[in-house]
């Protein structure tokens, strides 16, 4: 039974479903925030900082995603 669970975990890990799901969710969030920011009449400094932070975090997160996984 434990062997089957380990094999299922390895298969799930090889598809990298959760990291890909997180990247897709981040892309959606970034698109929505960008659209919101571009529709503002006079964006404030705090609003610009929010968008800048989200873009920076996304770049770091995508870098971690690309460097993760099994090494061949």
PDB file of N, CA and C in Angstrom:
ATOM      1  N   UNK A   1       0.821  -1.194   0.000  1.00  0.00           N
ATOM      2  CA  UNK A   1       0.000   0.000   0.000  1.00  0.00           C
ATOM      3  C   UNK A   1       0.865   1.257   0.000  1.00  0.00           C
ATOM      4  N   UNK A   2       1.883   1.266   0.846  1.00  0.00           N
ATOM      5  CA  UNK A   2       2.771   2.416   0.919  1.00  0.00           C
ATOM      6  C   UNK A   2       3.533   2.602  -0.391  1.00  0.00           C
ATOM      7  N   UNK A   3       3.866   1.493  -1.041  1.00  0.00           N
ATOM      8  CA  UNK A   3       4.567   1.563  -2.325  1.00  0.00           C
ATOM      9  C   UNK A   3       3.698   2.232  -3.393  1.00  0.00           C
ATOM     10  N   UNK A   4       2.404   1.928  -3.397  1.00  0.00           N
ATOM     11  CA  UNK A   4       1.484   2.547  -4.346  1.00  0.00           C
ATOM     12  C   UNK A   4       1.353   4.045  -4.100  1.00  0.00           C
ATOM     13  N   UNK A   5       1.331   4.419  -2.834  1.00  0.00           N
ATOM     14  CA  UNK A   5       1.233   5.838  -2.485  1.00  0.00           C
ATOM     15  C   UNK A   5       2.487   6.576  -2.934  1.00  0.00           C
ATOM     16  N   UNK A   6       3.649   5.954  -2.730  1.00  0.00           N
ATOM     17  CA  UNK A   6       4.899   6.584  -3.161  1.00  0.00           C
ATOM     18  C   UNK A   6       4.952   6.744  -4.675  1.00  0.00           C
ATOM     19  N   UNK A   7       4.490   5.737  -5.412  1.00  0.00           N
ATOM     20  CA  UNK A   7       4.476   5.829  -6.874  1.00  0.00           C
ATOM     21  C   UNK A   7       3.504   6.907  -7.343  1.00  0.00           C
ATOM     22  N   UNK A   8       2.350   6.982  -6.702  1.00  0.00           N
ATOM     23  CA  UNK A   8       1.377   8.018  -7.055  1.00  0.00           C
ATOM     24  C   UNK A   8       1.940   9.412  -6.762  1.00  0.00           C
ATOM     25  N   UNK A   9       2.654   9.542  -5.666  1.00  0.00           N
ATOM     26  CA  UNK A   9       3.269  10.824  -5.328  1.00  0.00           C
ATOM     27  C   UNK A   9       4.344  11.201  -6.339  1.00  0.00           C
ATOM     28  N   UNK A  10       5.117  10.237  -6.802  1.00  0.00           N
ATOM     29  CA  UNK A  10       6.148  10.506  -7.804  1.00  0.00           C
ATOM     30  C   UNK A  10       5.521  10.936  -9.135  1.00  0.00           C
ATOM     31  N   UNK A  11       4.429  10.288  -9.510  1.00  0.00           N
ATOM     32  CA  UNK A  11       3.750  10.665 -10.756  1.00  0.00           C
ATOM     33  C   UNK A  11       3.185  12.078 -10.640  1.00  0.00           C
ATOM     34  N   UNK A  12       2.542  12.374  -9.520  1.00  0.00           N
ATOM     35  CA  UNK A  12       2.000  13.705  -9.304  1.00  0.00           C
ATOM     36  C   UNK A  12       3.109  14.751  -9.295  1.00  0.00           C
ATOM     37  N   UNK A  13       4.222  14.421  -8.699  1.00  0.00           N
ATOM     38  CA  UNK A  13       5.350  15.340  -8.656  1.00  0.00           C
ATOM     39  C   UNK A  13       5.958  15.541 -10.037  1.00  0.00           C
ATOM     40  N   UNK A  14       5.973  14.504 -10.862  1.00  0.00           N
ATOM     41  CA  UNK A  14       6.579  14.637 -12.188  1.00  0.00           C
ATOM     42  C   UNK A  14       5.758  15.548 -13.098  1.00  0.00           C
ATOM     43  N   UNK A  15       4.447  15.617 -12.888  1.00  0.00           N
ATOM     44  CA  UNK A  15       3.620  16.525 -13.679  1.00  0.00           C
ATOM     45  C   UNK A  15       3.726  17.969 -13.200  1.00  0.00           C
ATOM     46  N   UNK A  16       4.200  18.172 -11.981  1.00  0.00           N
ATOM     47  CA  UNK A  16       4.367  19.500 -11.383  1.00  0.00           C
ATOM     48  C   UNK A  16       3.084  20.316 -11.477  1.00  0.00           C
ATOM     49  N   UNK A  17       1.990  19.693 -11.067  1.00  0.00           N
ATOM     50  CA  UNK A  17       0.674  20.321 -11.189  1.00  0.00           C
ATOM     51  C   UNK A  17       0.565  21.573 -10.328  1.00  0.00           C
ATOM     52  N   UNK A  18       0.972  21.484  -9.080  1.00  0.00           N
ATOM     53  CA  UNK A  18       0.786  22.616  -8.175  1.00  0.00           C
ATOM     54  C   UNK A  18       1.641  23.825  -8.554  1.00  0.00           C
ATOM     55  N   UNK A  19       2.927  23.662  -8.878  1.00  0.00           N
ATOM     56  CA  UNK A  19       3.670  24.854  -9.311  1.00  0.00           C
ATOM     57  C   UNK A  19       3.088  25.489 -10.573  1.00  0.00           C
ATOM     58  N   UNK A  20       2.633  24.663 -11.507  1.00  0.00           N
ATOM     59  CA  UNK A  20       2.047  25.219 -12.724  1.00  0.00           C
ATOM     60  C   UNK A  20       0.725  25.914 -12.427  1.00  0.00           C
ATOM     61  N   UNK A  21      -0.042  25.370 -11.524  1.00  0.00           N
ATOM     62  CA  UNK A  21      -1.294  26.006 -11.131  1.00  0.00           C
ATOM     63  C   UNK A  21      -1.027  27.352 -10.463  1.00  0.00           C
ATOM     64  N   UNK A  22      -0.008  27.417  -9.617  1.00  0.00           N
ATOM     65  CA  UNK A  22       0.335  28.678  -8.962  1.00  0.00           C
ATOM     66  C   UNK A  22       0.799  29.720  -9.975  1.00  0.00           C
ATOM     67  N   UNK A  23       1.566  29.306 -10.978  1.00  0.00           N
ATOM     68  CA  UNK A  23       2.030  30.243 -12.004  1.00  0.00           C
ATOM     69  C   UNK A  23       0.837  30.765 -12.810  1.00  0.00           C
ATOM     70  N   UNK A  24      -0.100  29.892 -13.149  1.00  0.00           N
ATOM     71  CA  UNK A  24      -1.293  30.330 -13.889  1.00  0.00           C
ATOM     72  C   UNK A  24      -2.109  31.303 -13.051  1.00  0.00           C
ATOM     73  N   UNK A  25      -2.269  31.008 -11.763  1.00  0.00           N
ATOM     74  CA  UNK A  25      -3.015  31.919 -10.882  1.00  0.00           C
ATOM     75  C   UNK A  25      -2.300  33.264 -10.773  1.00  0.00           C
ATOM     76  N   UNK A  26      -0.969  33.247 -10.705  1.00  0.00           N
ATOM     77  CA  UNK A  26      -0.221  34.499 -10.644  1.00  0.00           C
ATOM     78  C   UNK A  26      -0.402  35.293 -11.932  1.00  0.00           C
ATOM     79  N   UNK A  27      -0.367  34.627 -13.076  1.00  0.00           N
ATOM     80  CA  UNK A  27      -0.546  35.331 -14.345  1.00  0.00           C
ATOM     81  C   UNK A  27      -1.921  36.005 -14.405  1.00  0.00           C
ATOM     82  N   UNK A  28      -2.943  35.302 -13.924  1.00  0.00           N
ATOM     83  CA  UNK A  28      -4.281  35.895 -13.882  1.00  0.00           C
ATOM     84  C   UNK A  28      -4.314  37.106 -12.945  1.00  0.00           C
ATOM     85  N   UNK A  29      -3.719  36.967 -11.769  1.00  0.00           N
ATOM     86  CA  UNK A  29      -3.675  38.068 -10.810  1.00  0.00           C
ATOM     87  C   UNK A  29      -2.942  39.266 -11.401  1.00  0.00           C
ATOM     88  N   UNK A  30      -1.826  39.027 -12.046  1.00  0.00           N
ATOM     89  CA  UNK A  30      -1.060  40.117 -12.631  1.00  0.00           C
ATOM     90  C   UNK A  30      -1.843  40.806 -13.742  1.00  0.00           C
ATOM     91  N   UNK A  31      -2.541  40.028 -14.550  1.00  0.00           N
ATOM     92  CA  UNK A  31      -3.347  40.617 -15.618  1.00  0.00           C
ATOM     93  C   UNK A  31      -4.454  41.498 -15.046  1.00  0.00           C
ATOM     94  N   UNK A  32      -5.126  41.022 -14.014  1.00  0.00           N
ATOM     95  CA  UNK A  32      -6.205  41.804 -13.401  1.00  0.00           C
ATOM     96  C   UNK A  32      -5.678  43.085 -12.745  1.00  0.00           C
ATOM     97  N   UNK A  33      -4.560  42.967 -12.044  1.00  0.00           N
ATOM     98  CA  UNK A  33      -3.988  44.147 -11.381  1.00  0.00           C
ATOM     99  C   UNK A  33      -3.505  45.158 -12.409  1.00  0.00           C
ATOM    100  N   UNK A  34      -2.911  44.669 -13.491  1.00  0.00           N
ATOM    101  CA  UNK A  34      -2.440  45.577 -14.541  1.00  0.00           C
ATOM    102  C   UNK A  34      -3.607  46.307 -15.186  1.00  0.00           C
ATOM    103  N   UNK A  35      -4.674  45.577 -15.490  1.00  0.00           N
ATOM    104  CA  UNK A  35      -5.858  46.227 -16.065  1.00  0.00           C
ATOM    105  C   UNK A  35      -6.457  47.246 -15.104  1.00  0.00           C
ATOM    106  N   UNK A  36      -6.529  46.887 -13.824  1.00  0.00           N
ATOM    107  CA  UNK A  36      -7.043  47.816 -12.822  1.00  0.00           C
ATOM    108  C   UNK A  36      -6.187  49.082 -12.766  1.00  0.00           C
ATOM    109  N   UNK A  37      -4.876  48.905 -12.779  1.00  0.00           N
ATOM    110  CA  UNK A  37      -3.966  50.048 -12.663  1.00  0.00           C
ATOM    111  C   UNK A  37      -4.063  50.955 -13.881  1.00  0.00           C
ATOM    112  N   UNK A  38      -4.189  50.361 -15.053  1.00  0.00           N
ATOM    113  CA  UNK A  38      -4.255  51.181 -16.273  1.00  0.00           C
ATOM    114  C   UNK A  38      -5.574  51.947 -16.371  1.00  0.00           C
ATOM    115  N   UNK A  39      -6.627  51.488 -15.702  1.00  0.00           N
ATOM    116  CA  UNK A  39      -7.907  52.180 -15.738  1.00  0.00           C
ATOM    117  C   UNK A  39      -8.007  53.308 -14.711  1.00  0.00           C
ATOM    118  N   UNK A  40      -7.043  53.417 -13.814  1.00  0.00           N
ATOM    119  CA  UNK A  40      -7.076  54.488 -12.816  1.00  0.00           C
ATOM    120  C   UNK A  40      -6.823  55.838 -13.489  1.00  0.00           C
ATOM    121  N   UNK A  41      -7.564  56.837 -13.076  1.00  0.00           N
ATOM    122  CA  UNK A  41      -7.396  58.178 -13.656  1.00  0.00           C
ATOM    123  C   UNK A  41      -6.075  58.805 -13.210  1.00  0.00           C
ATOM    124  N   UNK A  42      -5.832  58.793 -11.915  1.00  0.00           N
ATOM    125  CA  UNK A  42      -4.602  59.353 -11.359  1.00  0.00           C
ATOM    126  C   UNK A  42      -4.067  58.396 -10.307  1.00  0.00           C
ATOM    127  N   UNK A  43      -3.238  57.436 -10.715  1.00  0.00           N
ATOM    128  CA  UNK A  43      -2.725  56.469  -9.741  1.00  0.00           C
ATOM    129  C   UNK A  43      -1.812  57.131  -8.710  1.00  0.00           C
ATOM    130  N   UNK A  44      -1.933  56.651  -7.487  1.00  0.00           N
ATOM    131  CA  UNK A  44      -1.088  57.186  -6.420  1.00  0.00           C
ATOM    132  C   UNK A  44       0.223  56.406  -6.353  1.00  0.00           C
ATOM    133  N   UNK A  45       1.114  56.897  -5.549  1.00  0.00           N
ATOM    134  CA  UNK A  45       2.395  56.228  -5.372  1.00  0.00           C
ATOM    135  C   UNK A  45       2.218  54.858  -4.737  1.00  0.00           C
ATOM    136  N   UNK A  46       1.292  54.756  -3.808  1.00  0.00           N
ATOM    137  CA  UNK A  46       1.043  53.473  -3.147  1.00  0.00           C
ATOM    138  C   UNK A  46       0.500  52.441  -4.139  1.00  0.00           C
ATOM    139  N   UNK A  47      -0.362  52.873  -5.033  1.00  0.00           N
ATOM    140  CA  UNK A  47      -0.904  51.957  -6.035  1.00  0.00           C
ATOM    141  C   UNK A  47       0.182  51.506  -7.008  1.00  0.00           C
ATOM    142  N   UNK A  48       1.047  52.416  -7.395  1.00  0.00           N
ATOM    143  CA  UNK A  48       2.163  52.056  -8.270  1.00  0.00           C
ATOM    144  C   UNK A  48       3.130  51.108  -7.566  1.00  0.00           C
ATOM    145  N   UNK A  49       3.317  51.304  -6.273  1.00  0.00           N
ATOM    146  CA  UNK A  49       4.192  50.414  -5.508  1.00  0.00           C
ATOM    147  C   UNK A  49       3.601  49.012  -5.419  1.00  0.00           C
ATOM    148  N   UNK A  50       2.286  48.920  -5.302  1.00  0.00           N
ATOM    149  CA  UNK A  50       1.632  47.615  -5.265  1.00  0.00           C
ATOM    150  C   UNK A  50       1.878  46.854  -6.559  1.00  0.00           C
ATOM    151  N   UNK A  51       1.691  47.502  -7.695  1.00  0.00           N
ATOM    152  CA  UNK A  51       1.895  46.851  -8.988  1.00  0.00           C
ATOM    153  C   UNK A  51       3.365  46.471  -9.151  1.00  0.00           C
ATOM    154  N   UNK A  52       4.254  47.352  -8.771  1.00  0.00           N
ATOM    155  CA  UNK A  52       5.686  47.077  -8.875  1.00  0.00           C
ATOM    156  C   UNK A  52       6.090  45.885  -8.010  1.00  0.00           C
ATOM    157  N   UNK A  53       5.538  45.804  -6.822  1.00  0.00           N
ATOM    158  CA  UNK A  53       5.829  44.685  -5.923  1.00  0.00           C
ATOM    159  C   UNK A  53       5.324  43.372  -6.500  1.00  0.00           C
ATOM    160  N   UNK A  54       4.116  43.376  -7.036  1.00  0.00           N
ATOM    161  CA  UNK A  54       3.570  42.154  -7.629  1.00  0.00           C
ATOM    162  C   UNK A  54       4.400  41.675  -8.809  1.00  0.00           C
ATOM    163  N   UNK A  55       4.876  42.597  -9.632  1.00  0.00           N
ATOM    164  CA  UNK A  55       5.714  42.214 -10.771  1.00  0.00           C
ATOM    165  C   UNK A  55       7.045  41.653 -10.281  1.00  0.00           C
ATOM    166  N   UNK A  56       7.651  42.281  -9.294  1.00  0.00           N
ATOM    167  CA  UNK A  56       8.924  41.801  -8.757  1.00  0.00           C
ATOM    168  C   UNK A  56       8.812  40.441  -8.097  1.00  0.00           C
ATOM    169  N   UNK A  57       7.762  40.254  -7.334  1.00  0.00           N
ATOM    170  CA  UNK A  57       7.540  38.957  -6.686  1.00  0.00           C
ATOM    171  C   UNK A  57       7.313  37.881  -7.741  1.00  0.00           C
ATOM    172  N   UNK A  58       6.584  38.231  -8.780  1.00  0.00           N
ATOM    173  CA  UNK A  58       6.328  37.266  -9.851  1.00  0.00           C
ATOM    174  C   UNK A  58       7.594  36.854 -10.566  1.00  0.00           C
ATOM    175  N   UNK A  59       8.492  37.796 -10.796  1.00  0.00           N
ATOM    176  CA  UNK A  59       9.759  37.465 -11.444  1.00  0.00           C
ATOM    177  C   UNK A  59      10.584  36.521 -10.570  1.00  0.00           C
ATOM    178  N   UNK A  60      10.624  36.789  -9.286  1.00  0.00           N
ATOM    179  CA  UNK A  60      11.356  35.907  -8.374  1.00  0.00           C
ATOM    180  C   UNK A  60      10.697  34.534  -8.296  1.00  0.00           C
ATOM    181  N   UNK A  61       9.395  34.511  -8.250  1.00  0.00           N
ATOM    182  CA  UNK A  61       8.656  33.256  -8.166  1.00  0.00           C
ATOM    183  C   UNK A  61       8.851  32.422  -9.426  1.00  0.00           C
ATOM    184  N   UNK A  62       8.809  33.066 -10.584  1.00  0.00           N
ATOM    185  CA  UNK A  62       9.011  32.341 -11.836  1.00  0.00           C
ATOM    186  C   UNK A  62      10.437  31.808 -11.924  1.00  0.00           C
ATOM    187  N   UNK A  63      11.398  32.568 -11.429  1.00  0.00           N
ATOM    188  CA  UNK A  63      12.781  32.082 -11.395  1.00  0.00           C
ATOM    189  C   UNK A  63      12.928  30.850 -10.513  1.00  0.00           C
ATOM    190  N   UNK A  64      12.281  30.867  -9.367  1.00  0.00           N
ATOM    191  CA  UNK A  64      12.315  29.692  -8.495  1.00  0.00           C
ATOM    192  C   UNK A  64      11.645  28.496  -9.156  1.00  0.00           C
ATOM    193  N   UNK A  65      10.555  28.737  -9.859  1.00  0.00           N
ATOM    194  CA  UNK A  65       9.852  27.651 -10.549  1.00  0.00           C
ATOM    195  C   UNK A  65      10.745  27.044 -11.634  1.00  0.00           C
ATOM    196  N   UNK A  66      11.411  27.887 -12.395  1.00  0.00           N
ATOM    197  CA  UNK A  66      12.261  27.380 -13.486  1.00  0.00           C
ATOM    198  C   UNK A  66      13.461  26.607 -12.954  1.00  0.00           C
ATOM    199  N   UNK A  67      13.960  26.975 -11.794  1.00  0.00           N
ATOM    200  CA  UNK A  67      15.135  26.311 -11.237  1.00  0.00           C
ATOM    201  C   UNK A  67      14.774  25.140 -10.334  1.00  0.00           C
ATOM    202  N   UNK A  68      13.502  24.861 -10.147  1.00  0.00           N
ATOM    203  CA  UNK A  68      13.101  23.742  -9.312  1.00  0.00           C
ATOM    204  C   UNK A  68      12.874  22.505 -10.162  1.00  0.00           C
ATOM    205  N   UNK A  69      12.601  21.428  -9.517  1.00  0.00           N
ATOM    206  CA  UNK A  69      12.351  20.177 -10.251  1.00  0.00           C
ATOM    207  C   UNK A  69      13.559  19.272 -10.205  1.00  0.00           C
ATOM    208  N   UNK A  70      13.432  18.153 -10.888  1.00  0.00           N
ATOM    209  CA  UNK A  70      14.513  17.168 -10.870  1.00  0.00           C
ATOM    210  C   UNK A  70      15.607  17.601 -11.835  1.00  0.00           C
ATOM    211  N   UNK A  71      16.819  17.356 -11.428  1.00  0.00           N
ATOM    212  CA  UNK A  71      17.982  17.650 -12.268  1.00  0.00           C
ATOM    213  C   UNK A  71      18.349  16.382 -13.031  1.00  0.00           C
ATOM    214  N   UNK A  72      18.542  16.532 -14.333  1.00  0.00           N
ATOM    215  CA  UNK A  72      18.863  15.367 -15.147  1.00  0.00           C
ATOM    216  C   UNK A  72      20.349  15.290 -15.415  1.00  0.00           C
TER     217      UNK A  72
END
